[in-house]
Amino acid sequence: MTAWARFAAKVSKVPHPNGCHMWIGSLTSTGYGKFRDENGRLVMAHRWIWEYARGPIPDGMVIDHFAGRCRRRDCVRLSHLAVVTPGENNRRGWAIRRFRQAQQLRPASPLRRP
């Protein structure tokens, strides 16, 4: 079986509400998909699909689960991934964490159900 066929077998066929392609294979302890490539090396699924479809990730760059769509570590949809600097990846991560904290701290509206 080809690496692509093994990879595709580990992606959910069930539509996700925000359009993510969810990894249903093994996960790391931090929630990233993991996959054995054609050489038997353990690689992160989102990095593998990027390199398979778009080529090598430039030195000093990382793949970010953002691209304006999601922050799910188990998403492998190319349009939800972006090549960014580590600093930009950290800034985006902090921004979304601050937003989520603000949402949790905001008082409940009388028009919203708790």
C-alpha atoms as a PDB file:
ATOM      1  CA  MET A   1       0.000   0.000   0.000  1.00  0.00           C
ATOM      2  CA  THR A   2       1.360   3.436  -0.867  1.00  0.00           C
ATOM      3  CA  ALA A   3       2.082   6.069   1.768  1.00  0.00           C
ATOM      4  CA  TRP A   4      -0.724   8.194   0.301  1.00  0.00           C
ATOM      5  CA  ALA A   5      -3.244   5.328   0.584  1.00  0.00           C
ATOM      6  CA  ARG A   6      -2.203   4.668   4.208  1.00  0.00           C
ATOM      7  CA  PHE A   7      -2.475   8.400   4.985  1.00  0.00           C
ATOM      8  CA  ALA A   8      -5.902   8.762   3.343  1.00  0.00           C
ATOM      9  CA  ALA A   9      -7.204   5.768   5.321  1.00  0.00           C
ATOM     10  CA  LYS A  10      -6.476   7.704   8.536  1.00  0.00           C
ATOM     11  CA  VAL A  11      -8.503  10.798   7.598  1.00  0.00           C
ATOM     12  CA  SER A  12     -12.155  10.895   8.644  1.00  0.00           C
ATOM     13  CA  LYS A  13     -14.717  10.720   5.850  1.00  0.00           C
ATOM     14  CA  VAL A  14     -17.355  12.290   8.127  1.00  0.00           C
ATOM     15  CA  PRO A  15     -17.842  16.009   7.366  1.00  0.00           C
ATOM     16  CA  HIS A  16     -16.626  18.274  10.175  1.00  0.00           C
ATOM     17  CA  PRO A  17     -18.655  21.440  10.985  1.00  0.00           C
ATOM     18  CA  ASN A  18     -15.776  23.810  10.201  1.00  0.00           C
ATOM     19  CA  GLY A  19     -14.536  21.873   7.178  1.00  0.00           C
ATOM     20  CA  CYS A  20     -11.566  20.233   8.890  1.00  0.00           C
ATOM     21  CA  HIS A  21     -10.191  16.952   7.592  1.00  0.00           C
ATOM     22  CA  MET A  22      -9.809  15.176  10.924  1.00  0.00           C
ATOM     23  CA  TRP A  23      -6.948  12.754  11.580  1.00  0.00           C
ATOM     24  CA  ILE A  24      -8.305   9.522  13.055  1.00  0.00           C
ATOM     25  CA  GLY A  25      -4.960   7.726  13.258  1.00  0.00           C
ATOM     26  CA  SER A  26      -2.574   7.822  16.202  1.00  0.00           C
ATOM     27  CA  LEU A  27      -2.035  11.097  18.048  1.00  0.00           C
ATOM     28  CA  THR A  28       0.902  12.469  19.991  1.00  0.00           C
ATOM     29  CA  SER A  29       0.432  13.328  23.659  1.00  0.00           C
ATOM     30  CA  THR A  30      -0.122  16.942  22.553  1.00  0.00           C
ATOM     31  CA  GLY A  31      -2.860  16.067  20.046  1.00  0.00           C
ATOM     32  CA  TYR A  32      -0.999  16.119  16.708  1.00  0.00           C
ATOM     33  CA  GLY A  33      -1.573  13.330  14.210  1.00  0.00           C
ATOM     34  CA  LYS A  34       1.392  11.025  13.720  1.00  0.00           C
ATOM     35  CA  PHE A  35       2.176   8.823  10.757  1.00  0.00           C
ATOM     36  CA  ARG A  36       4.925   6.518   9.509  1.00  0.00           C
ATOM     37  CA  ASP A  37       6.180   7.744   6.153  1.00  0.00           C
ATOM     38  CA  GLU A  38       7.358   5.600   3.238  1.00  0.00           C
ATOM     39  CA  ASN A  39      10.753   5.177   4.976  1.00  0.00           C
ATOM     40  CA  GLY A  40       9.212   4.070   8.270  1.00  0.00           C
ATOM     41  CA  ARG A  41      10.030   7.364  10.020  1.00  0.00           C
ATOM     42  CA  LEU A  42       7.477   8.735  12.479  1.00  0.00           C
ATOM     43  CA  VAL A  43       6.347  12.157  11.231  1.00  0.00           C
ATOM     44  CA  MET A  44       3.598  14.607  12.125  1.00  0.00           C
ATOM     45  CA  ALA A  45       0.604  14.065   9.825  1.00  0.00           C
ATOM     46  CA  HIS A  46       0.077  17.776   9.090  1.00  0.00           C
ATOM     47  CA  ARG A  47       3.731  18.177   8.098  1.00  0.00           C
ATOM     48  CA  TRP A  48       3.631  15.036   5.937  1.00  0.00           C
ATOM     49  CA  ILE A  49       0.576  16.165   3.951  1.00  0.00           C
ATOM     50  CA  TRP A  50       2.109  19.623   3.441  1.00  0.00           C
ATOM     51  CA  GLU A  51       5.336  18.191   2.069  1.00  0.00           C
ATOM     52  CA  TYR A  52       3.504  15.568   0.002  1.00  0.00           C
ATOM     53  CA  ALA A  53       1.289  18.185  -1.667  1.00  0.00           C
ATOM     54  CA  ARG A  54       3.402  21.362  -1.644  1.00  0.00           C
ATOM     55  CA  GLY A  55       7.029  20.335  -1.210  1.00  0.00           C
ATOM     56  CA  PRO A  56       9.576  20.834   1.554  1.00  0.00           C
ATOM     57  CA  ILE A  57       8.923  23.160   4.464  1.00  0.00           C
ATOM     58  CA  PRO A  58      11.582  25.889   4.300  1.00  0.00           C
ATOM     59  CA  ASP A  59      14.300  25.848   6.966  1.00  0.00           C
ATOM     60  CA  GLY A  60      13.317  27.835  10.032  1.00  0.00           C
ATOM     61  CA  MET A  61       9.598  27.684   9.222  1.00  0.00           C
ATOM     62  CA  VAL A  62       6.771  25.666  10.802  1.00  0.00           C
ATOM     63  CA  ILE A  63       3.288  24.567   9.795  1.00  0.00           C
ATOM     64  CA  ASP A  64       0.520  26.454  11.590  1.00  0.00           C
ATOM     65  CA  HIS A  65      -3.034  25.183  12.017  1.00  0.00           C
ATOM     66  CA  PHE A  66      -4.639  28.490  11.324  1.00  0.00           C
ATOM     67  CA  ALA A  67      -4.928  30.021   7.892  1.00  0.00           C
ATOM     68  CA  GLY A  68      -7.998  31.793   9.300  1.00  0.00           C
ATOM     69  CA  ARG A  69      -9.944  28.580   9.689  1.00  0.00           C
ATOM     70  CA  CYS A  70      -9.059  26.341  12.600  1.00  0.00           C
ATOM     71  CA  ARG A  71      -6.693  25.753  15.491  1.00  0.00           C
ATOM     72  CA  ARG A  72      -7.164  21.977  15.636  1.00  0.00           C
ATOM     73  CA  ARG A  73      -3.947  20.031  15.918  1.00  0.00           C
ATOM     74  CA  ASP A  74      -5.619  16.941  14.452  1.00  0.00           C
ATOM     75  CA  CYS A  75      -6.722  18.743  11.256  1.00  0.00           C
ATOM     76  CA  VAL A  76      -4.826  17.810   8.076  1.00  0.00           C
ATOM     77  CA  ARG A  77      -6.758  19.900   5.539  1.00  0.00           C
ATOM     78  CA  LEU A  78      -4.237  21.797   3.409  1.00  0.00           C
ATOM     79  CA  SER A  79      -6.349  24.942   3.206  1.00  0.00           C
ATOM     80  CA  HIS A  80      -6.313  25.080   7.037  1.00  0.00           C
ATOM     81  CA  LEU A  81      -2.509  24.992   7.200  1.00  0.00           C
ATOM     82  CA  ALA A  82       0.063  27.700   6.577  1.00  0.00           C
ATOM     83  CA  VAL A  83       3.858  27.972   6.572  1.00  0.00           C
ATOM     84  CA  VAL A  84       4.887  30.609   9.126  1.00  0.00           C
ATOM     85  CA  THR A  85       7.840  31.549  11.297  1.00  0.00           C
ATOM     86  CA  PRO A  86       7.913  30.077  14.802  1.00  0.00           C
ATOM     87  CA  GLY A  87       7.340  33.588  16.158  1.00  0.00           C
ATOM     88  CA  GLU A  88       4.193  34.070  14.069  1.00  0.00           C
ATOM     89  CA  ASN A  89       2.952  30.638  15.133  1.00  0.00           C
ATOM     90  CA  ASN A  90       3.402  31.637  18.790  1.00  0.00           C
ATOM     91  CA  ARG A  91       1.682  35.012  18.276  1.00  0.00           C
ATOM     92  CA  ARG A  92      -1.308  33.350  16.640  1.00  0.00           C
ATOM     93  CA  GLY A  93      -1.505  30.784  19.424  1.00  0.00           C
ATOM     94  CA  TRP A  94      -1.417  33.464  22.138  1.00  0.00           C
ATOM     95  CA  ALA A  95      -4.041  35.530  20.327  1.00  0.00           C
ATOM     96  CA  ILE A  96      -6.508  32.647  20.180  1.00  0.00           C
ATOM     97  CA  ARG A  97      -5.836  31.699  23.833  1.00  0.00           C
ATOM     98  CA  ARG A  98      -6.490  35.293  24.929  1.00  0.00           C
ATOM     99  CA  PHE A  99      -9.708  35.353  22.878  1.00  0.00           C
ATOM    100  CA  ARG A 100     -10.914  32.084  24.448  1.00  0.00           C
ATOM    101  CA  GLN A 101     -10.084  33.336  27.947  1.00  0.00           C
ATOM    102  CA  ALA A 102     -11.996  36.558  27.306  1.00  0.00           C
ATOM    103  CA  GLN A 103     -15.013  34.547  26.108  1.00  0.00           C
ATOM    104  CA  GLN A 104     -14.947  32.472  29.302  1.00  0.00           C
ATOM    105  CA  LEU A 105     -14.641  35.538  31.531  1.00  0.00           C
ATOM    106  CA  ARG A 106     -17.354  37.552  29.774  1.00  0.00           C
ATOM    107  CA  PRO A 107     -20.561  37.750  31.812  1.00  0.00           C
ATOM    108  CA  ALA A 108     -23.448  35.769  30.416  1.00  0.00           C
ATOM    109  CA  SER A 109     -25.895  37.780  28.394  1.00  0.00           C
ATOM    110  CA  PRO A 110     -29.499  37.646  29.591  1.00  0.00           C
ATOM    111  CA  LEU A 111     -30.358  36.740  25.988  1.00  0.00           C
ATOM    112  CA  ARG A 112     -28.042  33.734  25.909  1.00  0.00           C
ATOM    113  CA  ARG A 113     -28.584  30.437  27.599  1.00  0.00           C
ATOM    114  CA  PRO A 114     -25.833  29.538  30.086  1.00  0.00           C
END
